[in-house]
Amino acid sequence: MVTRIVKMIFRDEAVEAFTALFDERKERIRACPGCSHLELWQDRKRPSVFFTFSRWDDEAALDAYRRSPFFEETWTMTRALFAERAEAWTVDAMHRLP
């Protein structure tokens, strides 16, 4: 299993457009083959800062999603709303406590 965390900083006036876009597309993202979990987080102190947290069966599933036309379209629309360049990490859990 792979975990993907993406940090996105939006222009203040674009926050509502982004949340609407995410709401419209979240079920399709979650339904992508290999995606087992999807969350959207918002920073409490800086409401224009968001993170997506997703889990994928493996790197191949994540890569297939990132090469899909659906991702390309979604990312193009999302990127147009950025105030800064996004940052992304693909990580492995080292410890999990029940």
PDB file of N, CA and C in Angstrom:
ATOM      1  N   MET A   1       0.839  -1.182   0.000  1.00  0.00           N
ATOM      2  CA  MET A   1       0.000   0.000   0.000  1.00  0.00           C
ATOM      3  C   MET A   1       0.884   1.246   0.000  1.00  0.00           C
ATOM      4  N   VAL A   2       0.468   2.247  -0.750  1.00  0.00           N
ATOM      5  CA  VAL A   2       1.190   3.527  -0.826  1.00  0.00           C
ATOM      6  C   VAL A   2       0.247   4.639  -0.363  1.00  0.00           C
ATOM      7  N   THR A   3       0.817   5.612   0.292  1.00  0.00           N
ATOM      8  CA  THR A   3       0.056   6.787   0.712  1.00  0.00           C
ATOM      9  C   THR A   3       0.576   7.989  -0.050  1.00  0.00           C
ATOM     10  N   ARG A   4      -0.339   8.797  -0.536  1.00  0.00           N
ATOM     11  CA  ARG A   4       0.009   9.993  -1.295  1.00  0.00           C
ATOM     12  C   ARG A   4      -0.556  11.209  -0.568  1.00  0.00           C
ATOM     13  N   ILE A   5       0.301  12.186  -0.313  1.00  0.00           N
ATOM     14  CA  ILE A   5      -0.101  13.439   0.316  1.00  0.00           C
ATOM     15  C   ILE A   5       0.272  14.561  -0.638  1.00  0.00           C
ATOM     16  N   VAL A   6      -0.704  15.402  -0.963  1.00  0.00           N
ATOM     17  CA  VAL A   6      -0.473  16.523  -1.867  1.00  0.00           C
ATOM     18  C   VAL A   6      -0.892  17.802  -1.151  1.00  0.00           C
ATOM     19  N   LYS A   7       0.039  18.749  -1.075  1.00  0.00           N
ATOM     20  CA  LYS A   7      -0.241  20.055  -0.463  1.00  0.00           C
ATOM     21  C   LYS A   7      -0.510  21.055  -1.583  1.00  0.00           C
ATOM     22  N   MET A   8      -1.637  21.770  -1.453  1.00  0.00           N
ATOM     23  CA  MET A   8      -2.021  22.754  -2.463  1.00  0.00           C
ATOM     24  C   MET A   8      -2.380  24.058  -1.767  1.00  0.00           C
ATOM     25  N   ILE A   9      -1.855  25.158  -2.281  1.00  0.00           N
ATOM     26  CA  ILE A   9      -2.175  26.479  -1.755  1.00  0.00           C
ATOM     27  C   ILE A   9      -2.896  27.242  -2.861  1.00  0.00           C
ATOM     28  N   PHE A  10      -4.114  27.676  -2.547  1.00  0.00           N
ATOM     29  CA  PHE A  10      -4.964  28.326  -3.530  1.00  0.00           C
ATOM     30  C   PHE A  10      -5.025  29.832  -3.298  1.00  0.00           C
ATOM     31  N   ARG A  11      -5.323  30.548  -4.363  1.00  0.00           N
ATOM     32  CA  ARG A  11      -5.637  31.961  -4.207  1.00  0.00           C
ATOM     33  C   ARG A  11      -6.881  32.048  -3.318  1.00  0.00           C
ATOM     34  N   ASP A  12      -6.934  33.041  -2.452  1.00  0.00           N
ATOM     35  CA  ASP A  12      -8.069  33.161  -1.525  1.00  0.00           C
ATOM     36  C   ASP A  12      -9.406  33.129  -2.246  1.00  0.00           C
ATOM     37  N   GLU A  13      -9.488  33.825  -3.357  1.00  0.00           N
ATOM     38  CA  GLU A  13     -10.755  33.896  -4.087  1.00  0.00           C
ATOM     39  C   GLU A  13     -11.081  32.596  -4.836  1.00  0.00           C
ATOM     40  N   ALA A  14     -10.145  31.643  -4.853  1.00  0.00           N
ATOM     41  CA  ALA A  14     -10.352  30.382  -5.578  1.00  0.00           C
ATOM     42  C   ALA A  14     -10.717  29.213  -4.666  1.00  0.00           C
ATOM     43  N   VAL A  15     -10.726  29.438  -3.359  1.00  0.00           N
ATOM     44  CA  VAL A  15     -11.004  28.350  -2.415  1.00  0.00           C
ATOM     45  C   VAL A  15     -12.373  27.731  -2.670  1.00  0.00           C
ATOM     46  N   GLU A  16     -13.382  28.536  -2.837  1.00  0.00           N
ATOM     47  CA  GLU A  16     -14.734  28.015  -3.065  1.00  0.00           C
ATOM     48  C   GLU A  16     -14.807  27.220  -4.368  1.00  0.00           C
ATOM     49  N   ALA A  17     -14.146  27.703  -5.405  1.00  0.00           N
ATOM     50  CA  ALA A  17     -14.132  26.977  -6.686  1.00  0.00           C
ATOM     51  C   ALA A  17     -13.436  25.626  -6.533  1.00  0.00           C
ATOM     52  N   PHE A  18     -12.343  25.595  -5.772  1.00  0.00           N
ATOM     53  CA  PHE A  18     -11.651  24.321  -5.575  1.00  0.00           C
ATOM     54  C   PHE A  18     -12.512  23.343  -4.787  1.00  0.00           C
ATOM     55  N   THR A  19     -13.111  23.792  -3.684  1.00  0.00           N
ATOM     56  CA  THR A  19     -13.912  22.863  -2.881  1.00  0.00           C
ATOM     57  C   THR A  19     -15.099  22.329  -3.681  1.00  0.00           C
ATOM     58  N   ALA A  20     -15.669  23.160  -4.543  1.00  0.00           N
ATOM     59  CA  ALA A  20     -16.759  22.694  -5.406  1.00  0.00           C
ATOM     60  C   ALA A  20     -16.246  21.659  -6.409  1.00  0.00           C
ATOM     61  N   LEU A  21     -15.088  21.913  -6.991  1.00  0.00           N
ATOM     62  CA  LEU A  21     -14.489  20.972  -7.938  1.00  0.00           C
ATOM     63  C   LEU A  21     -14.188  19.638  -7.252  1.00  0.00           C
ATOM     64  N   PHE A  22     -13.592  19.690  -6.065  1.00  0.00           N
ATOM     65  CA  PHE A  22     -13.282  18.459  -5.346  1.00  0.00           C
ATOM     66  C   PHE A  22     -14.566  17.699  -5.023  1.00  0.00           C
ATOM     67  N   ASP A  23     -15.570  18.404  -4.540  1.00  0.00           N
ATOM     68  CA  ASP A  23     -16.830  17.763  -4.191  1.00  0.00           C
ATOM     69  C   ASP A  23     -17.455  17.072  -5.398  1.00  0.00           C
ATOM     70  N   GLU A  24     -17.338  17.712  -6.555  1.00  0.00           N
ATOM     71  CA  GLU A  24     -17.888  17.153  -7.788  1.00  0.00           C
ATOM     72  C   GLU A  24     -17.138  15.901  -8.236  1.00  0.00           C
ATOM     73  N   ARG A  25     -15.840  15.811  -7.937  1.00  0.00           N
ATOM     74  CA  ARG A  25     -15.008  14.738  -8.490  1.00  0.00           C
ATOM     75  C   ARG A  25     -14.538  13.688  -7.484  1.00  0.00           C
ATOM     76  N   LYS A  26     -14.754  13.905  -6.211  1.00  0.00           N
ATOM     77  CA  LYS A  26     -14.195  13.019  -5.186  1.00  0.00           C
ATOM     78  C   LYS A  26     -14.635  11.563  -5.322  1.00  0.00           C
ATOM     79  N   GLU A  27     -15.893  11.334  -5.662  1.00  0.00           N
ATOM     80  CA  GLU A  27     -16.368   9.954  -5.787  1.00  0.00           C
ATOM     81  C   GLU A  27     -15.698   9.235  -6.960  1.00  0.00           C
ATOM     82  N   ARG A  28     -15.481   9.953  -8.048  1.00  0.00           N
ATOM     83  CA  ARG A  28     -14.794   9.346  -9.203  1.00  0.00           C
ATOM     84  C   ARG A  28     -13.334   9.063  -8.879  1.00  0.00           C
ATOM     85  N   ILE A  29     -12.692   9.962  -8.131  1.00  0.00           N
ATOM     86  CA  ILE A  29     -11.301   9.711  -7.726  1.00  0.00           C
ATOM     87  C   ILE A  29     -11.259   8.460  -6.867  1.00  0.00           C
ATOM     88  N   ARG A  30     -12.125   8.409  -5.870  1.00  0.00           N
ATOM     89  CA  ARG A  30     -12.145   7.271  -4.937  1.00  0.00           C
ATOM     90  C   ARG A  30     -12.465   5.961  -5.652  1.00  0.00           C
ATOM     91  N   ALA A  31     -13.233   6.036  -6.742  1.00  0.00           N
ATOM     92  CA  ALA A  31     -13.621   4.837  -7.492  1.00  0.00           C
ATOM     93  C   ALA A  31     -12.545   4.365  -8.466  1.00  0.00           C
ATOM     94  N   CYS A  32     -11.465   5.112  -8.598  1.00  0.00           N
ATOM     95  CA  CYS A  32     -10.394   4.697  -9.508  1.00  0.00           C
ATOM     96  C   CYS A  32      -9.794   3.380  -9.035  1.00  0.00           C
ATOM     97  N   PRO A  33      -9.473   2.491  -9.965  1.00  0.00           N
ATOM     98  CA  PRO A  33      -8.888   1.207  -9.586  1.00  0.00           C
ATOM     99  C   PRO A  33      -7.646   1.407  -8.718  1.00  0.00           C
ATOM    100  N   GLY A  34      -7.638   0.735  -7.581  1.00  0.00           N
ATOM    101  CA  GLY A  34      -6.481   0.792  -6.691  1.00  0.00           C
ATOM    102  C   GLY A  34      -6.557   1.852  -5.611  1.00  0.00           C
ATOM    103  N   CYS A  35      -7.531   2.759  -5.674  1.00  0.00           N
ATOM    104  CA  CYS A  35      -7.672   3.786  -4.628  1.00  0.00           C
ATOM    105  C   CYS A  35      -8.544   3.209  -3.516  1.00  0.00           C
ATOM    106  N   SER A  36      -7.977   3.112  -2.317  1.00  0.00           N
ATOM    107  CA  SER A  36      -8.734   2.542  -1.199  1.00  0.00           C
ATOM    108  C   SER A  36      -9.159   3.581  -0.174  1.00  0.00           C
ATOM    109  N   HIS A  37      -8.658   4.816  -0.313  1.00  0.00           N
ATOM    110  CA  HIS A  37      -8.987   5.840   0.688  1.00  0.00           C
ATOM    111  C   HIS A  37      -8.712   7.221   0.104  1.00  0.00           C
ATOM    112  N   LEU A  38      -9.564   8.192   0.451  1.00  0.00           N
ATOM    113  CA  LEU A  38      -9.368   9.564  -0.010  1.00  0.00           C
ATOM    114  C   LEU A  38      -9.910  10.528   1.041  1.00  0.00           C
ATOM    115  N   GLU A  39      -9.097  11.502   1.422  1.00  0.00           N
ATOM    116  CA  GLU A  39      -9.527  12.558   2.329  1.00  0.00           C
ATOM    117  C   GLU A  39      -9.035  13.893   1.797  1.00  0.00           C
ATOM    118  N   LEU A  40      -9.779  14.944   2.129  1.00  0.00           N
ATOM    119  CA  LEU A  40      -9.347  16.312   1.851  1.00  0.00           C
ATOM    120  C   LEU A  40      -9.230  17.006   3.192  1.00  0.00           C
ATOM    121  N   TRP A  41      -8.068  17.611   3.447  1.00  0.00           N
ATOM    122  CA  TRP A  41      -7.820  18.324   4.699  1.00  0.00           C
ATOM    123  C   TRP A  41      -7.637  19.802   4.397  1.00  0.00           C
ATOM    124  N   GLN A  42      -8.071  20.657   5.323  1.00  0.00           N
ATOM    125  CA  GLN A  42      -7.893  22.098   5.195  1.00  0.00           C
ATOM    126  C   GLN A  42      -7.183  22.610   6.436  1.00  0.00           C
ATOM    127  N   ASP A  43      -6.180  23.440   6.234  1.00  0.00           N
ATOM    128  CA  ASP A  43      -5.431  24.019   7.341  1.00  0.00           C
ATOM    129  C   ASP A  43      -6.351  24.924   8.171  1.00  0.00           C
ATOM    130  N   ARG A  44      -6.289  24.798   9.479  1.00  0.00           N
ATOM    131  CA  ARG A  44      -7.160  25.592  10.355  1.00  0.00           C
ATOM    132  C   ARG A  44      -6.791  27.071  10.384  1.00  0.00           C
ATOM    133  N   LYS A  45      -5.516  27.361  10.258  1.00  0.00           N
ATOM    134  CA  LYS A  45      -5.067  28.751  10.358  1.00  0.00           C
ATOM    135  C   LYS A  45      -4.969  29.444   9.011  1.00  0.00           C
ATOM    136  N   ARG A  46      -4.766  28.670   7.968  1.00  0.00           N
ATOM    137  CA  ARG A  46      -4.668  29.229   6.608  1.00  0.00           C
ATOM    138  C   ARG A  46      -5.674  28.492   5.727  1.00  0.00           C
ATOM    139  N   PRO A  47      -6.898  28.983   5.627  1.00  0.00           N
ATOM    140  CA  PRO A  47      -7.942  28.247   4.912  1.00  0.00           C
ATOM    141  C   PRO A  47      -7.722  28.078   3.415  1.00  0.00           C
ATOM    142  N   SER A  48      -6.693  28.704   2.880  1.00  0.00           N
ATOM    143  CA  SER A  48      -6.391  28.506   1.460  1.00  0.00           C
ATOM    144  C   SER A  48      -5.409  27.351   1.233  1.00  0.00           C
ATOM    145  N   VAL A  49      -4.997  26.696   2.327  1.00  0.00           N
ATOM    146  CA  VAL A  49      -4.064  25.568   2.242  1.00  0.00           C
ATOM    147  C   VAL A  49      -4.841  24.268   2.447  1.00  0.00           C
ATOM    148  N   PHE A  50      -4.714  23.379   1.461  1.00  0.00           N
ATOM    149  CA  PHE A  50      -5.390  22.080   1.501  1.00  0.00           C
ATOM    150  C   PHE A  50      -4.385  20.962   1.278  1.00  0.00           C
ATOM    151  N   PHE A  51      -4.754  19.785   1.749  1.00  0.00           N
ATOM    152  CA  PHE A  51      -3.977  18.570   1.514  1.00  0.00           C
ATOM    153  C   PHE A  51      -4.944  17.483   1.077  1.00  0.00           C
ATOM    154  N   THR A  52      -4.540  16.693   0.104  1.00  0.00           N
ATOM    155  CA  THR A  52      -5.263  15.453  -0.144  1.00  0.00           C
ATOM    156  C   THR A  52      -4.434  14.331   0.452  1.00  0.00           C
ATOM    157  N   PHE A  53      -5.121  13.378   1.024  1.00  0.00           N
ATOM    158  CA  PHE A  53      -4.505  12.203   1.628  1.00  0.00           C
ATOM    159  C   PHE A  53      -5.193  11.010   0.993  1.00  0.00           C
ATOM    160  N   SER A  54      -4.428  10.223   0.256  1.00  0.00           N
ATOM    161  CA  SER A  54      -5.029   9.070  -0.416  1.00  0.00           C
ATOM    162  C   SER A  54      -4.150   7.844  -0.239  1.00  0.00           C
ATOM    163  N   ARG A  55      -4.816   6.687  -0.287  1.00  0.00           N
ATOM    164  CA  ARG A  55      -4.110   5.413  -0.209  1.00  0.00           C
ATOM    165  C   ARG A  55      -4.411   4.624  -1.472  1.00  0.00           C
ATOM    166  N   TRP A  56      -3.357   4.002  -1.980  1.00  0.00           N
ATOM    167  CA  TRP A  56      -3.427   3.250  -3.234  1.00  0.00           C
ATOM    168  C   TRP A  56      -2.859   1.858  -2.999  1.00  0.00           C
ATOM    169  N   ASP A  57      -3.383   0.884  -3.730  1.00  0.00           N
ATOM    170  CA  ASP A  57      -2.921  -0.498  -3.566  1.00  0.00           C
ATOM    171  C   ASP A  57      -1.422  -0.625  -3.771  1.00  0.00           C
ATOM    172  N   ASP A  58      -0.927   0.083  -4.782  1.00  0.00           N
ATOM    173  CA  ASP A  58       0.504   0.037  -5.087  1.00  0.00           C
ATOM    174  C   ASP A  58       0.864   1.225  -5.974  1.00  0.00           C
ATOM    175  N   GLU A  59       2.146   1.368  -6.242  1.00  0.00           N
ATOM    176  CA  GLU A  59       2.647   2.477  -7.067  1.00  0.00           C
ATOM    177  C   GLU A  59       2.060   2.424  -8.476  1.00  0.00           C
ATOM    178  N   ALA A  60       1.846   1.212  -8.999  1.00  0.00           N
ATOM    179  CA  ALA A  60       1.296   1.068 -10.356  1.00  0.00           C
ATOM    180  C   ALA A  60      -0.122   1.643 -10.441  1.00  0.00           C
ATOM    181  N   ALA A  61      -0.936   1.435  -9.413  1.00  0.00           N
ATOM    182  CA  ALA A  61      -2.300   1.977  -9.403  1.00  0.00           C
ATOM    183  C   ALA A  61      -2.270   3.502  -9.352  1.00  0.00           C
ATOM    184  N   LEU A  62      -1.398   4.057  -8.520  1.00  0.00           N
ATOM    185  CA  LEU A  62      -1.263   5.512  -8.439  1.00  0.00           C
ATOM    186  C   LEU A  62      -0.794   6.088  -9.773  1.00  0.00           C
ATOM    187  N   ASP A  63       0.201   5.442 -10.366  1.00  0.00           N
ATOM    188  CA  ASP A  63       0.714   5.915 -11.660  1.00  0.00           C
ATOM    189  C   ASP A  63      -0.348   5.843 -12.759  1.00  0.00           C
ATOM    190  N   ALA A  64      -1.149   4.780 -12.754  1.00  0.00           N
ATOM    191  CA  ALA A  64      -2.207   4.651 -13.762  1.00  0.00           C
ATOM    192  C   ALA A  64      -3.220   5.784 -13.603  1.00  0.00           C
ATOM    193  N   TYR A  65      -3.568   6.109 -12.372  1.00  0.00           N
ATOM    194  CA  TYR A  65      -4.479   7.232 -12.136  1.00  0.00           C
ATOM    195  C   TYR A  65      -3.864   8.537 -12.630  1.00  0.00           C
ATOM    196  N   ARG A  66      -2.603   8.767 -12.313  1.00  0.00           N
ATOM    197  CA  ARG A  66      -1.939  10.012 -12.691  1.00  0.00           C
ATOM    198  C   ARG A  66      -1.755  10.152 -14.205  1.00  0.00           C
ATOM    199  N   ARG A  67      -1.810   9.043 -14.942  1.00  0.00           N
ATOM    200  CA  ARG A  67      -1.712   9.081 -16.407  1.00  0.00           C
ATOM    201  C   ARG A  67      -3.077   9.125 -17.091  1.00  0.00           C
ATOM    202  N   SER A  68      -4.148   9.077 -16.303  1.00  0.00           N
ATOM    203  CA  SER A  68      -5.485   9.002 -16.895  1.00  0.00           C
ATOM    204  C   SER A  68      -5.955  10.364 -17.412  1.00  0.00           C
ATOM    205  N   PRO A  69      -6.799  10.357 -18.435  1.00  0.00           N
ATOM    206  CA  PRO A  69      -7.388  11.611 -18.923  1.00  0.00           C
ATOM    207  C   PRO A  69      -8.193  12.327 -17.824  1.00  0.00           C
ATOM    208  N   PHE A  70      -8.848  11.573 -16.957  1.00  0.00           N
ATOM    209  CA  PHE A  70      -9.619  12.169 -15.865  1.00  0.00           C
ATOM    210  C   PHE A  70      -8.701  12.964 -14.936  1.00  0.00           C
ATOM    211  N   PHE A  71      -7.561  12.395 -14.572  1.00  0.00           N
ATOM    212  CA  PHE A  71      -6.616  13.123 -13.725  1.00  0.00           C
ATOM    213  C   PHE A  71      -6.104  14.361 -14.448  1.00  0.00           C
ATOM    214  N   GLU A  72      -5.727  14.226 -15.696  1.00  0.00           N
ATOM    215  CA  GLU A  72      -5.188  15.363 -16.456  1.00  0.00           C
ATOM    216  C   GLU A  72      -6.187  16.520 -16.494  1.00  0.00           C
ATOM    217  N   GLU A  73      -7.437  16.204 -16.753  1.00  0.00           N
ATOM    218  CA  GLU A  73      -8.471  17.231 -16.782  1.00  0.00           C
ATOM    219  C   GLU A  73      -8.657  17.867 -15.397  1.00  0.00           C
ATOM    220  N   THR A  74      -8.742  17.025 -14.375  1.00  0.00           N
ATOM    221  CA  THR A  74      -8.942  17.514 -13.002  1.00  0.00           C
ATOM    222  C   THR A  74      -7.759  18.355 -12.549  1.00  0.00           C
ATOM    223  N   TRP A  75      -6.553  17.878 -12.813  1.00  0.00           N
ATOM    224  CA  TRP A  75      -5.355  18.599 -12.379  1.00  0.00           C
ATOM    225  C   TRP A  75      -5.204  19.928 -13.114  1.00  0.00           C
ATOM    226  N   THR A  76      -5.551  19.965 -14.378  1.00  0.00           N
ATOM    227  CA  THR A  76      -5.492  21.215 -15.144  1.00  0.00           C
ATOM    228  C   THR A  76      -6.422  22.256 -14.532  1.00  0.00           C
ATOM    229  N   MET A  77      -7.632  21.854 -14.189  1.00  0.00           N
ATOM    230  CA  MET A  77      -8.583  22.787 -13.574  1.00  0.00           C
ATOM    231  C   MET A  77      -8.128  23.207 -12.171  1.00  0.00           C
ATOM    232  N   THR A  78      -7.576  22.269 -11.426  1.00  0.00           N
ATOM    233  CA  THR A  78      -7.110  22.560 -10.066  1.00  0.00           C
ATOM    234  C   THR A  78      -5.910  23.496 -10.104  1.00  0.00           C
ATOM    235  N   ARG A  79      -4.953  23.187 -10.937  1.00  0.00           N
ATOM    236  CA  ARG A  79      -3.711  23.973 -11.035  1.00  0.00           C
ATOM    237  C   ARG A  79      -3.993  25.438 -11.392  1.00  0.00           C
ATOM    238  N   ALA A  80      -5.026  25.684 -12.165  1.00  0.00           N
ATOM    239  CA  ALA A  80      -5.377  27.053 -12.555  1.00  0.00           C
ATOM    240  C   ALA A  80      -5.783  27.912 -11.355  1.00  0.00           C
ATOM    241  N   LEU A  81      -6.089  27.278 -10.232  1.00  0.00           N
ATOM    242  CA  LEU A  81      -6.545  27.992  -9.033  1.00  0.00           C
ATOM    243  C   LEU A  81      -5.430  28.230  -8.015  1.00  0.00           C
ATOM    244  N   PHE A  82      -4.246  27.696  -8.274  1.00  0.00           N
ATOM    245  CA  PHE A  82      -3.142  27.765  -7.309  1.00  0.00           C
ATOM    246  C   PHE A  82      -2.603  29.174  -7.110  1.00  0.00           C
ATOM    247  N   ALA A  83      -2.180  29.437  -5.871  1.00  0.00           N
ATOM    248  CA  ALA A  83      -1.396  30.634  -5.555  1.00  0.00           C
ATOM    249  C   ALA A  83       0.084  30.287  -5.601  1.00  0.00           C
ATOM    250  N   GLU A  84       0.392  29.015  -5.341  1.00  0.00           N
ATOM    251  CA  GLU A  84       1.771  28.514  -5.341  1.00  0.00           C
ATOM    252  C   GLU A  84       1.779  27.122  -5.950  1.00  0.00           C
ATOM    253  N   ARG A  85       2.953  26.693  -6.313  1.00  0.00           N
ATOM    254  CA  ARG A  85       3.124  25.350  -6.875  1.00  0.00           C
ATOM    255  C   ARG A  85       2.806  24.291  -5.815  1.00  0.00           C
ATOM    256  N   ALA A  86       2.137  23.236  -6.220  1.00  0.00           N
ATOM    257  CA  ALA A  86       1.788  22.144  -5.305  1.00  0.00           C
ATOM    258  C   ALA A  86       3.038  21.350  -4.928  1.00  0.00           C
ATOM    259  N   GLU A  87       2.956  20.697  -3.789  1.00  0.00           N
ATOM    260  CA  GLU A  87       3.998  19.775  -3.345  1.00  0.00           C
ATOM    261  C   GLU A  87       3.345  18.425  -3.115  1.00  0.00           C
ATOM    262  N   ALA A  88       4.060  17.350  -3.427  1.00  0.00           N
ATOM    263  CA  ALA A  88       3.479  16.018  -3.270  1.00  0.00           C
ATOM    264  C   ALA A  88       4.521  15.046  -2.733  1.00  0.00           C
ATOM    265  N   TRP A  89       4.023  14.112  -1.928  1.00  0.00           N
ATOM    266  CA  TRP A  89       4.874  13.068  -1.362  1.00  0.00           C
ATOM    267  C   TRP A  89       4.158  11.740  -1.495  1.00  0.00           C
ATOM    268  N   THR A  90       4.900  10.725  -1.890  1.00  0.00           N
ATOM    269  CA  THR A  90       4.419   9.350  -1.863  1.00  0.00           C
ATOM    270  C   THR A  90       5.200   8.671  -0.749  1.00  0.00           C
ATOM    271  N   VAL A  91       4.479   8.215   0.273  1.00  0.00           N
ATOM    272  CA  VAL A  91       5.139   7.748   1.496  1.00  0.00           C
ATOM    273  C   VAL A  91       4.652   6.361   1.884  1.00  0.00           C
ATOM    274  N   ASP A  92       5.446   5.719   2.712  1.00  0.00           N
ATOM    275  CA  ASP A  92       5.077   4.431   3.303  1.00  0.00           C
ATOM    276  C   ASP A  92       4.939   4.618   4.808  1.00  0.00           C
ATOM    277  N   ALA A  93       3.928   3.992   5.402  1.00  0.00           N
ATOM    278  CA  ALA A  93       3.745   4.064   6.848  1.00  0.00           C
ATOM    279  C   ALA A  93       4.848   3.248   7.527  1.00  0.00           C
ATOM    280  N   MET A  94       5.473   3.839   8.514  1.00  0.00           N
ATOM    281  CA  MET A  94       6.510   3.144   9.270  1.00  0.00           C
ATOM    282  C   MET A  94       5.913   2.463  10.507  1.00  0.00           C
ATOM    283  N   HIS A  95       4.925   3.085  11.122  1.00  0.00           N
ATOM    284  CA  HIS A  95       4.266   2.543  12.312  1.00  0.00           C
ATOM    285  C   HIS A  95       2.796   2.892  12.258  1.00  0.00           C
ATOM    286  N   ARG A  96       1.979   1.959  12.670  1.00  0.00           N
ATOM    287  CA  ARG A  96       0.540   2.210  12.805  1.00  0.00           C
ATOM    288  C   ARG A  96       0.112   1.716  14.170  1.00  0.00           C
ATOM    289  N   LEU A  97      -0.522   2.582  14.901  1.00  0.00           N
ATOM    290  CA  LEU A  97      -1.054   2.182  16.210  1.00  0.00           C
ATOM    291  C   LEU A  97      -2.548   1.988  16.086  1.00  0.00           C
ATOM    292  N   PRO A  98      -3.058   0.910  16.689  1.00  0.00           N
ATOM    293  CA  PRO A  98      -4.501   0.654  16.597  1.00  0.00           C
ATOM    294  C   PRO A  98      -5.307   1.696  17.357  1.00  0.00           C
TER     295      PRO A  98
END
